Amino acid sequence: MFVSILQQGDFLIASIHAALDDTQLIRFQEDLVAQIGARRAKGVVIDIAALDVLDSFGSSSLRDLAHMARLRGALTVIVGIQPDVAFAIVKLGMDLDIHTALDLEEGLAYLVDMTAGDRTGGSALGML
């Protein structure tokens, strides 16, 4: 299990538990975009706290995923960026161009404010 996707009210929480190779990142994109429509999500939190590195392909994959989610009607926020990852993103000149928050709580609060969505309600869990 590399990624878990949890539904919390109107939002999806996707937690990446281990570094993903390029093929796994593409599958993650496809699965999450499909889940946005299937679960009618208004927002997505992507938790990358378990990652201690993020290469340029991973960075662009997350940015592309946020754009795909927006086209499906959901806002995206990335949470849990480790200090070393933040440092590398800036030093390498990568531009995520995605809203970020320190942790899951702040990420959900941002989505509630921006979408008028509800973070309470039923939840379901899916694993990759």
C-alpha atoms as a PDB file:
ATOM      1  CA  MET A   1       0.000   0.000   0.000  1.00  0.00           C
ATOM      2  CA  PHE A   2       1.639   3.182  -1.231  1.00  0.00           C
ATOM      3  CA  VAL A   3      -1.356   5.544  -1.159  1.00  0.00           C
ATOM      4  CA  SER A   4      -4.626   5.638   0.751  1.00  0.00           C
ATOM      5  CA  ILE A   5      -7.620   7.734  -0.285  1.00  0.00           C
ATOM      6  CA  LEU A   6     -10.129   8.590   2.433  1.00  0.00           C
ATOM      7  CA  GLN A   7     -13.381  10.452   1.909  1.00  0.00           C
ATOM      8  CA  GLN A   8     -14.195  12.947   4.638  1.00  0.00           C
ATOM      9  CA  GLY A   9     -17.483  14.673   3.926  1.00  0.00           C
ATOM     10  CA  ASP A  10     -17.132  16.583   0.639  1.00  0.00           C
ATOM     11  CA  PHE A  11     -13.373  16.086   0.497  1.00  0.00           C
ATOM     12  CA  LEU A  12     -10.865  13.394  -0.376  1.00  0.00           C
ATOM     13  CA  ILE A  13      -7.695  12.924   1.643  1.00  0.00           C
ATOM     14  CA  ALA A  14      -4.952  11.165  -0.296  1.00  0.00           C
ATOM     15  CA  SER A  15      -1.981  10.157   1.823  1.00  0.00           C
ATOM     16  CA  ILE A  16       1.185   9.052   0.095  1.00  0.00           C
ATOM     17  CA  HIS A  17       2.902   6.564   2.419  1.00  0.00           C
ATOM     18  CA  ALA A  18       6.079   5.877   0.425  1.00  0.00           C
ATOM     19  CA  ALA A  19       8.004   7.255  -2.511  1.00  0.00           C
ATOM     20  CA  LEU A  20       6.248   6.484  -5.797  1.00  0.00           C
ATOM     21  CA  ASP A  21       8.001   5.683  -9.056  1.00  0.00           C
ATOM     22  CA  ASP A  22       6.846   7.349 -12.273  1.00  0.00           C
ATOM     23  CA  THR A  23       4.367   4.589 -13.155  1.00  0.00           C
ATOM     24  CA  GLN A  24       2.855   4.649  -9.660  1.00  0.00           C
ATOM     25  CA  LEU A  25       2.542   8.455  -9.798  1.00  0.00           C
ATOM     26  CA  ILE A  26       0.609   8.251 -13.056  1.00  0.00           C
ATOM     27  CA  ARG A  27      -1.663   5.552 -11.632  1.00  0.00           C
ATOM     28  CA  PHE A  28      -2.194   7.700  -8.530  1.00  0.00           C
ATOM     29  CA  GLN A  29      -3.219  10.621 -10.759  1.00  0.00           C
ATOM     30  CA  GLU A  30      -5.673   8.486 -12.694  1.00  0.00           C
ATOM     31  CA  ASP A  31      -7.183   6.900  -9.584  1.00  0.00           C
ATOM     32  CA  LEU A  32      -7.561  10.168  -7.699  1.00  0.00           C
ATOM     33  CA  VAL A  33      -9.099  12.016 -10.650  1.00  0.00           C
ATOM     34  CA  ALA A  34     -11.574   9.153 -11.086  1.00  0.00           C
ATOM     35  CA  GLN A  35     -12.425   9.222  -7.367  1.00  0.00           C
ATOM     36  CA  ILE A  36     -13.127  12.966  -7.528  1.00  0.00           C
ATOM     37  CA  GLY A  37     -15.963  12.309  -9.972  1.00  0.00           C
ATOM     38  CA  ALA A  38     -17.185   9.093  -8.393  1.00  0.00           C
ATOM     39  CA  ARG A  39     -17.389  10.644  -4.925  1.00  0.00           C
ATOM     40  CA  ARG A  40     -18.354  14.131  -6.145  1.00  0.00           C
ATOM     41  CA  ALA A  41     -15.542  15.670  -4.119  1.00  0.00           C
ATOM     42  CA  LYS A  42     -15.292  19.445  -3.815  1.00  0.00           C
ATOM     43  CA  GLY A  43     -11.685  19.339  -2.655  1.00  0.00           C
ATOM     44  CA  VAL A  44      -8.639  17.149  -2.273  1.00  0.00           C
ATOM     45  CA  VAL A  45      -5.920  17.131   0.366  1.00  0.00           C
ATOM     46  CA  ILE A  46      -2.722  15.395  -0.712  1.00  0.00           C
ATOM     47  CA  ASP A  47      -0.582  14.516   2.296  1.00  0.00           C
ATOM     48  CA  ILE A  48       3.079  14.047   1.402  1.00  0.00           C
ATOM     49  CA  ALA A  49       4.468  14.054   4.956  1.00  0.00           C
ATOM     50  CA  ALA A  50       6.009  10.601   4.445  1.00  0.00           C
ATOM     51  CA  LEU A  51       8.141  11.816   1.528  1.00  0.00           C
ATOM     52  CA  ASP A  52      11.675  12.902   2.278  1.00  0.00           C
ATOM     53  CA  VAL A  53      12.443  13.657  -1.391  1.00  0.00           C
ATOM     54  CA  LEU A  54      10.433  14.972  -4.311  1.00  0.00           C
ATOM     55  CA  ASP A  55      12.039  15.002  -7.739  1.00  0.00           C
ATOM     56  CA  SER A  56      11.049  17.188 -10.667  1.00  0.00           C
ATOM     57  CA  PHE A  57       8.760  14.498 -12.141  1.00  0.00           C
ATOM     58  CA  GLY A  58       6.995  14.095  -8.786  1.00  0.00           C
ATOM     59  CA  SER A  59       6.633  17.835  -8.460  1.00  0.00           C
ATOM     60  CA  SER A  60       5.202  18.249 -11.949  1.00  0.00           C
ATOM     61  CA  SER A  61       2.920  15.236 -11.394  1.00  0.00           C
ATOM     62  CA  LEU A  62       1.442  16.869  -8.284  1.00  0.00           C
ATOM     63  CA  ARG A  63       1.005  20.165 -10.128  1.00  0.00           C
ATOM     64  CA  ASP A  64      -0.676  18.367 -13.051  1.00  0.00           C
ATOM     65  CA  LEU A  65      -2.885  16.455 -10.624  1.00  0.00           C
ATOM     66  CA  ALA A  66      -4.053  19.709  -9.049  1.00  0.00           C
ATOM     67  CA  HIS A  67      -4.927  21.069 -12.509  1.00  0.00           C
ATOM     68  CA  MET A  68      -6.794  17.862 -13.421  1.00  0.00           C
ATOM     69  CA  ALA A  69      -8.703  18.005 -10.131  1.00  0.00           C
ATOM     70  CA  ARG A  70      -9.654  21.633 -10.817  1.00  0.00           C
ATOM     71  CA  LEU A  71     -10.995  20.638 -14.230  1.00  0.00           C
ATOM     72  CA  ARG A  72     -13.127  18.046 -12.400  1.00  0.00           C
ATOM     73  CA  GLY A  73     -14.426  20.743 -10.031  1.00  0.00           C
ATOM     74  CA  ALA A  74     -12.231  20.115  -6.980  1.00  0.00           C
ATOM     75  CA  LEU A  75      -9.635  22.327  -5.321  1.00  0.00           C
ATOM     76  CA  THR A  76      -6.355  20.763  -4.205  1.00  0.00           C
ATOM     77  CA  VAL A  77      -4.120  21.530  -1.252  1.00  0.00           C
ATOM     78  CA  ILE A  78      -0.848  19.766  -0.467  1.00  0.00           C
ATOM     79  CA  VAL A  79       0.053  19.269   3.183  1.00  0.00           C
ATOM     80  CA  GLY A  80       2.957  17.855   5.150  1.00  0.00           C
ATOM     81  CA  ILE A  81       5.845  19.138   3.060  1.00  0.00           C
ATOM     82  CA  GLN A  82       9.003  18.268   4.982  1.00  0.00           C
ATOM     83  CA  PRO A  83      11.628  21.032   5.447  1.00  0.00           C
ATOM     84  CA  ASP A  84      14.191  19.246   3.246  1.00  0.00           C
ATOM     85  CA  VAL A  85      11.618  18.794   0.487  1.00  0.00           C
ATOM     86  CA  ALA A  86      10.644  22.473   0.648  1.00  0.00           C
ATOM     87  CA  PHE A  87      14.316  23.435   0.490  1.00  0.00           C
ATOM     88  CA  ALA A  88      14.918  21.201  -2.544  1.00  0.00           C
ATOM     89  CA  ILE A  89      11.836  22.499  -4.377  1.00  0.00           C
ATOM     90  CA  VAL A  90      13.038  26.080  -4.000  1.00  0.00           C
ATOM     91  CA  LYS A  91      16.716  25.377  -4.741  1.00  0.00           C
ATOM     92  CA  LEU A  92      15.880  23.399  -7.878  1.00  0.00           C
ATOM     93  CA  GLY A  93      13.561  26.154  -9.107  1.00  0.00           C
ATOM     94  CA  MET A  94      10.521  23.879  -9.246  1.00  0.00           C
ATOM     95  CA  ASP A  95       7.177  25.647  -9.129  1.00  0.00           C
ATOM     96  CA  LEU A  96       4.334  23.654  -7.582  1.00  0.00           C
ATOM     97  CA  ASP A  97       1.787  26.433  -8.166  1.00  0.00           C
ATOM     98  CA  ILE A  98      -0.546  24.624  -5.746  1.00  0.00           C
ATOM     99  CA  HIS A  99      -1.946  25.830  -2.462  1.00  0.00           C
ATOM    100  CA  THR A 100      -0.098  24.298   0.481  1.00  0.00           C
ATOM    101  CA  ALA A 101      -0.752  24.045   4.198  1.00  0.00           C
ATOM    102  CA  LEU A 102       1.306  22.879   7.135  1.00  0.00           C
ATOM    103  CA  ASP A 103      -0.867  19.910   8.079  1.00  0.00           C
ATOM    104  CA  LEU A 104      -4.121  18.085   7.422  1.00  0.00           C
ATOM    105  CA  GLU A 105      -6.150  20.259   9.789  1.00  0.00           C
ATOM    106  CA  GLU A 106      -5.077  23.476   8.052  1.00  0.00           C
ATOM    107  CA  GLY A 107      -5.590  21.890   4.632  1.00  0.00           C
ATOM    108  CA  LEU A 108      -9.169  20.881   5.446  1.00  0.00           C
ATOM    109  CA  ALA A 109      -9.895  24.315   6.942  1.00  0.00           C
ATOM    110  CA  TYR A 110      -8.681  25.924   3.706  1.00  0.00           C
ATOM    111  CA  LEU A 111     -10.948  23.690   1.608  1.00  0.00           C
ATOM    112  CA  VAL A 112     -13.964  24.384   3.831  1.00  0.00           C
ATOM    113  CA  ASP A 113     -13.363  28.146   3.477  1.00  0.00           C
ATOM    114  CA  MET A 114     -12.768  28.052  -0.267  1.00  0.00           C
ATOM    115  CA  THR A 115     -15.503  25.610  -1.321  1.00  0.00           C
ATOM    116  CA  ALA A 116     -18.231  25.959   1.308  1.00  0.00           C
ATOM    117  CA  GLY A 117     -17.880  22.191   1.553  1.00  0.00           C
ATOM    118  CA  ASP A 118     -18.576  20.061   4.595  1.00  0.00           C
ATOM    119  CA  ARG A 119     -15.817  18.055   6.241  1.00  0.00           C
ATOM    120  CA  THR A 120     -18.249  16.080   8.368  1.00  0.00           C
ATOM    121  CA  GLY A 121     -20.288  13.208   7.161  1.00  0.00           C
ATOM    122  CA  GLY A 122     -19.607   9.759   5.858  1.00  0.00           C
ATOM    123  CA  SER A 123     -16.175   8.481   5.142  1.00  0.00           C
ATOM    124  CA  ALA A 124     -14.792   5.675   3.047  1.00  0.00           C
ATOM    125  CA  LEU A 125     -11.290   4.356   2.558  1.00  0.00           C
ATOM    126  CA  GLY A 126      -9.583   3.143  -0.583  1.00  0.00           C
ATOM    127  CA  MET A 127      -6.036   1.826  -0.943  1.00  0.00           C
ATOM    128  CA  LEU A 128      -3.568   1.666  -3.823  1.00  0.00           C
END
